[in-house]
Amino acid sequence: MAHAMFKRYKILFTRPLPGLRPGRPERDAMVERVKRFASQNGMAGDLHAIAPNAGFGILEIQCTDKLARRLSDLSEVESVLEA
């Protein structure tokens, strides 16, 4: 069980991501983009877990409120919703 500071969120990405086929390549690129964003902004410790959803263009993550608010700064992200 995740520590209480981590909450579950759903990230909805814009579709389609440029240059990628739908499916696993797209999902892997979304996961990598979230990890890279957190790392580049000094918030790698704010990201606890990433679980790709069955729906394409959606990632379920466990992170802090601070990181969830910042993820909407990504141009690929349509919205971030608390799960």
Protein backbone atom coordinates (compact mmCIF):
# COMPACT_ATOMS: atom_id res chain seq x y z
CA MET A 1 0.00 0.00 0.00
CA ALA A 2 1.33 3.40 -0.93
CA HIS A 3 2.09 5.97 1.70
CA ALA A 4 -0.74 8.44 2.43
CA MET A 5 1.05 11.27 0.62
CA PHE A 6 0.53 9.49 -2.72
CA LYS A 7 -2.87 9.66 -4.38
CA ARG A 8 -4.21 7.93 -7.46
CA TYR A 9 -4.69 10.01 -10.61
CA LYS A 10 -5.64 9.35 -14.20
CA ILE A 11 -3.74 11.19 -16.91
CA LEU A 12 -5.59 11.59 -20.20
CA PHE A 13 -3.29 12.20 -23.15
CA THR A 14 -4.22 13.88 -26.39
CA ARG A 15 -4.73 11.43 -29.21
CA PRO A 16 -2.87 10.41 -31.20
CA LEU A 17 0.67 11.04 -30.04
CA PRO A 18 2.63 12.20 -33.08
CA GLY A 19 4.55 9.49 -34.91
CA LEU A 20 3.43 6.53 -32.81
CA ARG A 21 1.12 3.61 -33.52
CA PRO A 22 -1.71 3.07 -31.04
CA GLY A 23 -1.02 0.30 -28.55
CA ARG A 24 2.10 -0.67 -26.70
CA PRO A 25 4.55 1.76 -28.42
CA GLU A 26 2.27 4.67 -27.60
CA ARG A 27 1.73 3.52 -24.02
CA ASP A 28 5.47 3.05 -23.46
CA ALA A 29 6.14 6.56 -24.82
CA MET A 30 3.54 8.05 -22.44
CA VAL A 31 5.09 6.25 -19.45
CA GLU A 32 8.57 7.40 -20.44
CA ARG A 33 7.37 10.99 -20.92
CA VAL A 34 5.86 11.12 -17.40
CA LYS A 35 9.01 9.63 -15.84
CA ARG A 36 11.26 12.04 -17.73
CA PHE A 37 9.10 15.05 -16.80
CA ALA A 38 9.21 14.14 -13.09
CA SER A 39 12.97 13.61 -13.22
CA GLN A 40 13.72 16.82 -15.14
CA ASN A 41 11.70 18.86 -12.66
CA GLY A 42 13.30 17.35 -9.55
CA MET A 43 10.13 15.46 -8.61
CA ALA A 44 11.18 11.85 -9.22
CA GLY A 45 10.41 11.08 -5.55
CA ASP A 46 6.88 12.44 -6.04
CA LEU A 47 6.06 9.63 -8.49
CA HIS A 48 5.27 6.33 -6.78
CA ALA A 49 3.81 4.07 -9.50
CA ILE A 50 2.53 4.05 -13.08
CA ALA A 51 -0.06 1.58 -14.34
CA PRO A 52 -1.21 1.80 -17.96
CA ASN A 53 -4.99 1.62 -18.27
CA ALA A 54 -6.84 -0.64 -20.70
CA GLY A 55 -8.07 2.49 -22.49
CA PHE A 56 -5.55 3.93 -24.93
CA GLY A 57 -4.32 7.38 -24.04
CA ILE A 58 -4.85 6.92 -20.29
CA LEU A 59 -2.30 6.27 -17.55
CA GLU A 60 -3.14 5.61 -13.91
CA ILE A 61 -0.45 6.88 -11.57
CA GLN A 62 0.19 7.27 -7.86
CA CYS A 63 1.89 10.55 -7.09
CA THR A 64 1.81 13.62 -4.89
CA ASP A 65 -0.64 16.48 -5.43
CA LYS A 66 2.29 18.69 -6.40
CA LEU A 67 3.33 16.46 -9.32
CA ALA A 68 -0.28 15.95 -10.43
CA ARG A 69 -0.75 19.72 -10.73
CA ARG A 70 2.48 20.08 -12.71
CA LEU A 71 1.69 17.25 -15.16
CA SER A 72 -0.91 19.45 -16.85
CA ASP A 73 2.05 21.59 -18.05
CA LEU A 74 2.92 18.83 -20.53
CA SER A 75 1.63 19.65 -24.01
CA GLU A 76 0.65 15.99 -24.54
CA VAL A 77 -1.61 15.92 -21.45
CA GLU A 78 -5.27 16.75 -21.95
CA SER A 79 -6.27 16.49 -18.28
CA VAL A 80 -5.28 15.02 -14.91
CA LEU A 81 -8.13 13.61 -12.81
CA GLU A 82 -8.12 12.28 -9.28
CA ALA A 83 -9.09 8.60 -9.44
